[in-house]
Structure formats: C-alpha cells, structure tokens
PDB file of all heavy atoms in Angstrom:
ATOM      1  N   ALA A   1     -32.182  24.242 -45.983  1.00  0.00           N
ATOM      2  CA  ALA A   1     -32.006  23.632 -44.660  1.00  0.00           C
ATOM      3  C   ALA A   1     -31.098  22.407 -44.734  1.00  0.00           C
ATOM      4  O   ALA A   1     -31.051  21.619 -43.785  1.00  0.00           O
ATOM      5  CB  ALA A   1     -33.366  23.246 -44.087  1.00  0.00           C
ATOM      6  N   ALA A   2     -30.387  22.247 -45.866  1.00  0.00           N
ATOM      7  CA  ALA A   2     -29.502  21.103 -46.090  1.00  0.00           C
ATOM      8  C   ALA A   2     -30.269  19.787 -46.041  1.00  0.00           C
ATOM      9  O   ALA A   2     -29.798  18.790 -45.489  1.00  0.00           O
ATOM     10  CB  ALA A   2     -28.351  21.096 -45.080  1.00  0.00           C
ATOM     11  N   PHE A   3     -31.452  19.805 -46.624  1.00  0.00           N
ATOM     12  CA  PHE A   3     -32.337  18.646 -46.669  1.00  0.00           C
ATOM     13  C   PHE A   3     -32.574  18.257 -48.123  1.00  0.00           C
ATOM     14  O   PHE A   3     -32.452  19.077 -49.039  1.00  0.00           O
ATOM     15  CB  PHE A   3     -33.694  18.993 -46.041  1.00  0.00           C
ATOM     16  CG  PHE A   3     -33.912  18.418 -44.670  1.00  0.00           C
ATOM     17  CD1 PHE A   3     -32.920  17.753 -43.980  1.00  0.00           C
ATOM     18  CD2 PHE A   3     -35.154  18.542 -44.072  1.00  0.00           C
ATOM     19  CE1 PHE A   3     -33.145  17.237 -42.722  1.00  0.00           C
ATOM     20  CE2 PHE A   3     -35.399  18.028 -42.808  1.00  0.00           C
ATOM     21  CZ  PHE A   3     -34.388  17.367 -42.131  1.00  0.00           C
ATOM     22  N   GLU A   4     -32.987  17.000 -48.313  1.00  0.00           N
ATOM     23  CA  GLU A   4     -33.413  16.525 -49.629  1.00  0.00           C
ATOM     24  C   GLU A   4     -34.693  15.715 -49.463  1.00  0.00           C
ATOM     25  O   GLU A   4     -34.918  15.093 -48.424  1.00  0.00           O
ATOM     26  CB  GLU A   4     -32.361  15.627 -50.263  1.00  0.00           C
ATOM     27  CG  GLU A   4     -31.097  16.307 -50.715  1.00  0.00           C
ATOM     28  CD  GLU A   4     -30.177  15.311 -51.395  1.00  0.00           C
ATOM     29  OE1 GLU A   4     -30.354  15.091 -52.623  1.00  0.00           O
ATOM     30  OE2 GLU A   4     -29.318  14.736 -50.702  1.00  0.00           O
ATOM     31  N   GLY A   5     -35.513  15.716 -50.510  1.00  0.00           N
ATOM     32  CA  GLY A   5     -36.734  14.923 -50.485  1.00  0.00           C
ATOM     33  C   GLY A   5     -36.987  14.284 -51.836  1.00  0.00           C
ATOM     34  O   GLY A   5     -36.293  14.557 -52.825  1.00  0.00           O
ATOM     35  N   ALA A   6     -37.988  13.420 -51.875  1.00  0.00           N
ATOM     36  CA  ALA A   6     -38.422  12.770 -53.110  1.00  0.00           C
ATOM     37  C   ALA A   6     -39.867  13.156 -53.377  1.00  0.00           C
ATOM     38  O   ALA A   6     -40.648  13.389 -52.441  1.00  0.00           O
ATOM     39  CB  ALA A   6     -38.288  11.256 -52.994  1.00  0.00           C
ATOM     40  N   ALA A   7     -40.237  13.209 -54.659  1.00  0.00           N
ATOM     41  CA  ALA A   7     -41.571  13.658 -55.037  1.00  0.00           C
ATOM     42  C   ALA A   7     -42.344  12.540 -55.721  1.00  0.00           C
ATOM     43  O   ALA A   7     -41.764  11.647 -56.356  1.00  0.00           O
ATOM     44  CB  ALA A   7     -41.475  14.869 -55.979  1.00  0.00           C
ATOM     45  N   LYS A   8     -43.659  12.615 -55.596  1.00  0.00           N
ATOM     46  CA  LYS A   8     -44.556  11.725 -56.331  1.00  0.00           C
ATOM     47  C   LYS A   8     -45.841  12.477 -56.626  1.00  0.00           C
ATOM     48  O   LYS A   8     -46.201  13.427 -55.906  1.00  0.00           O
ATOM     49  CB  LYS A   8     -44.859  10.445 -55.552  1.00  0.00           C
ATOM     50  CG  LYS A   8     -45.640  10.625 -54.251  1.00  0.00           C
ATOM     51  CD  LYS A   8     -45.813   9.280 -53.550  1.00  0.00           C
ATOM     52  CE  LYS A   8     -46.595   9.369 -52.248  1.00  0.00           C
ATOM     53  NZ  LYS A   8     -48.032   9.579 -52.457  1.00  0.00           N
ATOM     54  N   THR A   9     -46.508  12.087 -57.675  1.00  0.00           N
ATOM     55  CA  THR A   9     -47.848  12.624 -57.889  1.00  0.00           C
ATOM     56  C   THR A   9     -48.746  12.056 -56.793  1.00  0.00           C
ATOM     57  O   THR A   9     -48.542  10.923 -56.335  1.00  0.00           O
ATOM     58  CB  THR A   9     -48.412  12.225 -59.253  1.00  0.00           C
ATOM     59  OG1 THR A   9     -48.620  10.802 -59.287  1.00  0.00           O
ATOM     60  CG2 THR A   9     -47.474  12.626 -60.374  1.00  0.00           C
ATOM     61  N   SER A  10     -49.724  12.816 -56.371  1.00  0.00           N
ATOM     62  CA  SER A  10     -50.645  12.305 -55.358  1.00  0.00           C
ATOM     63  C   SER A  10     -51.613  11.289 -55.969  1.00  0.00           C
ATOM     64  O   SER A  10     -52.259  10.529 -55.247  1.00  0.00           O
ATOM     65  CB  SER A  10     -51.436  13.455 -54.730  1.00  0.00           C
ATOM     66  OG  SER A  10     -52.353  14.002 -55.667  1.00  0.00           O
ATOM     67  N   GLY A  11     -51.702  11.305 -57.297  1.00  0.00           N
ATOM     68  CA  GLY A  11     -52.695  10.486 -57.971  1.00  0.00           C
ATOM     69  C   GLY A  11     -54.021  11.204 -58.103  1.00  0.00           C
ATOM     70  O   GLY A  11     -54.926  10.721 -58.786  1.00  0.00           O
ATOM     71  N   ALA A  12     -54.140  12.368 -57.475  1.00  0.00           N
ATOM     72  CA  ALA A  12     -55.336  13.194 -57.595  1.00  0.00           C
ATOM     73  C   ALA A  12     -54.947  14.449 -58.383  1.00  0.00           C
ATOM     74  O   ALA A  12     -54.730  14.380 -59.586  1.00  0.00           O
ATOM     75  CB  ALA A  12     -55.908  13.518 -56.220  1.00  0.00           C
ATOM     76  N   LYS A  13     -54.766  15.583 -57.689  1.00  0.00           N
ATOM     77  CA  LYS A  13     -54.432  16.808 -58.411  1.00  0.00           C
ATOM     78  C   LYS A  13     -53.136  17.438 -57.950  1.00  0.00           C
ATOM     79  O   LYS A  13     -52.723  18.459 -58.484  1.00  0.00           O
ATOM     80  CB  LYS A  13     -55.565  17.829 -58.252  1.00  0.00           C
ATOM     81  CG  LYS A  13     -55.847  18.214 -56.789  1.00  0.00           C
ATOM     82  CD  LYS A  13     -56.969  19.251 -56.691  1.00  0.00           C
ATOM     83  CE  LYS A  13     -57.246  19.613 -55.222  1.00  0.00           C
ATOM     84  NZ  LYS A  13     -58.241  20.688 -55.087  1.00  0.00           N
ATOM     85  N   GLY A  14     -52.474  16.841 -56.945  1.00  0.00           N
ATOM     86  CA  GLY A  14     -51.324  17.488 -56.347  1.00  0.00           C
ATOM     87  C   GLY A  14     -50.051  16.670 -56.368  1.00  0.00           C
ATOM     88  O   GLY A  14     -49.912  15.701 -57.113  1.00  0.00           O
ATOM     89  N   VAL A  15     -49.120  17.108 -55.534  1.00  0.00           N
ATOM     90  CA  VAL A  15     -47.800  16.498 -55.421  1.00  0.00           C
ATOM     91  C   VAL A  15     -47.492  16.282 -53.942  1.00  0.00           C
ATOM     92  O   VAL A  15     -47.842  17.111 -53.102  1.00  0.00           O
ATOM     93  CB  VAL A  15     -46.710  17.411 -56.038  1.00  0.00           C
ATOM     94  CG1 VAL A  15     -45.316  16.828 -55.837  1.00  0.00           C
ATOM     95  CG2 VAL A  15     -46.984  17.649 -57.520  1.00  0.00           C
ATOM     96  N   HIS A  16     -46.837  15.160 -53.638  1.00  0.00           N
ATOM     97  CA  HIS A  16     -46.348  14.891 -52.290  1.00  0.00           C
ATOM     98  C   HIS A  16     -44.831  14.911 -52.295  1.00  0.00           C
ATOM     99  O   HIS A  16     -44.199  14.336 -53.195  1.00  0.00           O
ATOM    100  CB  HIS A  16     -46.809  13.515 -51.798  1.00  0.00           C
ATOM    101  CG  HIS A  16     -48.285  13.401 -51.614  1.00  0.00           C
ATOM    102  ND1 HIS A  16     -48.964  12.204 -51.694  1.00  0.00           N
ATOM    103  CD2 HIS A  16     -49.226  14.343 -51.334  1.00  0.00           C
ATOM    104  CE1 HIS A  16     -50.242  12.402 -51.480  1.00  0.00           C
ATOM    105  NE2 HIS A  16     -50.431  13.698 -51.264  1.00  0.00           N
ATOM    106  N   VAL A  17     -44.234  15.543 -51.294  1.00  0.00           N
ATOM    107  CA  VAL A  17     -42.789  15.523 -51.103  1.00  0.00           C
ATOM    108  C   VAL A  17     -42.496  14.823 -49.779  1.00  0.00           C
ATOM    109  O   VAL A  17     -43.022  15.225 -48.729  1.00  0.00           O
ATOM    110  CB  VAL A  17     -42.191  16.940 -51.098  1.00  0.00           C
ATOM    111  CG1 VAL A  17     -40.685  16.879 -50.843  1.00  0.00           C
ATOM    112  CG2 VAL A  17     -42.482  17.649 -52.423  1.00  0.00           C
ATOM    113  N   PHE A  18     -41.677  13.765 -49.821  1.00  0.00           N
ATOM    114  CA  PHE A  18     -41.309  12.985 -48.643  1.00  0.00           C
ATOM    115  C   PHE A  18     -39.835  13.239 -48.305  1.00  0.00           C
ATOM    116  O   PHE A  18     -38.985  13.220 -49.202  1.00  0.00           O
ATOM    117  CB  PHE A  18     -41.490  11.494 -48.909  1.00  0.00           C
ATOM    118  CG  PHE A  18     -42.887  10.975 -48.677  1.00  0.00           C
ATOM    119  CD1 PHE A  18     -43.963  11.490 -49.379  1.00  0.00           C
ATOM    120  CD2 PHE A  18     -43.122   9.955 -47.757  1.00  0.00           C
ATOM    121  CE1 PHE A  18     -45.243  11.007 -49.186  1.00  0.00           C
ATOM    122  CE2 PHE A  18     -44.399   9.469 -47.546  1.00  0.00           C
ATOM    123  CZ  PHE A  18     -45.465   9.988 -48.254  1.00  0.00           C
ATOM    124  N   VAL A  19     -39.552  13.426 -47.024  1.00  0.00           N
ATOM    125  CA  VAL A  19     -38.186  13.636 -46.544  1.00  0.00           C
ATOM    126  C   VAL A  19     -37.888  12.574 -45.485  1.00  0.00           C
ATOM    127  O   VAL A  19     -38.480  12.602 -44.401  1.00  0.00           O
ATOM    128  CB  VAL A  19     -38.019  15.044 -45.933  1.00  0.00           C
ATOM    129  CG1 VAL A  19     -36.563  15.266 -45.518  1.00  0.00           C
ATOM    130  CG2 VAL A  19     -38.473  16.123 -46.906  1.00  0.00           C
ATOM    131  N   PRO A  20     -37.013  11.610 -45.767  1.00  0.00           N
ATOM    132  CA  PRO A  20     -36.734  10.553 -44.788  1.00  0.00           C
ATOM    133  C   PRO A  20     -35.871  11.072 -43.632  1.00  0.00           C
ATOM    134  O   PRO A  20     -34.892  11.789 -43.847  1.00  0.00           O
ATOM    135  CB  PRO A  20     -35.981   9.510 -45.613  1.00  0.00           C
ATOM    136  CG  PRO A  20     -35.316  10.300 -46.691  1.00  0.00           C
ATOM    137  CD  PRO A  20     -36.233  11.447 -47.013  1.00  0.00           C
ATOM    138  N   ILE A  21     -36.244  10.700 -42.420  1.00  0.00           N
ATOM    139  CA  ILE A  21     -35.573  11.184 -41.218  1.00  0.00           C
ATOM    140  C   ILE A  21     -34.799  10.047 -40.562  1.00  0.00           C
ATOM    141  O   ILE A  21     -35.372   8.996 -40.264  1.00  0.00           O
ATOM    142  CB  ILE A  21     -36.593  11.778 -40.222  1.00  0.00           C
ATOM    143  CG1 ILE A  21     -37.391  12.905 -40.885  1.00  0.00           C
ATOM    144  CG2 ILE A  21     -35.891  12.285 -38.966  1.00  0.00           C
ATOM    145  CD1 ILE A  21     -36.545  14.031 -41.420  1.00  0.00           C
ATOM    146  N   ALA A  22     -33.532  10.269 -40.316  1.00  0.00           N
ATOM    147  CA  ALA A  22     -32.678   9.247 -39.714  1.00  0.00           C
ATOM    148  C   ALA A  22     -33.164   8.911 -38.308  1.00  0.00           C
ATOM    149  O   ALA A  22     -33.308   9.806 -37.463  1.00  0.00           O
ATOM    150  CB  ALA A  22     -31.226   9.732 -39.658  1.00  0.00           C
ATOM    151  N   GLY A  23     -33.439   7.631 -38.085  1.00  0.00           N
ATOM    152  CA  GLY A  23     -33.878   7.195 -36.771  1.00  0.00           C
ATOM    153  C   GLY A  23     -35.297   7.609 -36.426  1.00  0.00           C
ATOM    154  O   GLY A  23     -35.758   7.381 -35.310  1.00  0.00           O
ATOM    155  N   GLY A  24     -35.994   8.222 -37.380  1.00  0.00           N
ATOM    156  CA  GLY A  24     -37.319   8.747 -37.082  1.00  0.00           C
ATOM    157  C   GLY A  24     -37.213   9.984 -36.202  1.00  0.00           C
ATOM    158  O   GLY A  24     -36.126  10.383 -35.784  1.00  0.00           O
TER     159      GLY A  24
END
C-alpha cells in the first residue's frame, strides 16, 4: 500500500507495528 511502519516488542508476548499518519 506504499506504506512504512516501525516495530517494537510489546513487552509481553507480541509485536506492535506503528504507522505515522500525516496530519492525523
């Protein structure tokens, strides 16, 4: 979809992927 995101461990058992949106 021509998107990019960043990943982090959830600190529990999973992974979170964040995608910043211009202007919200």
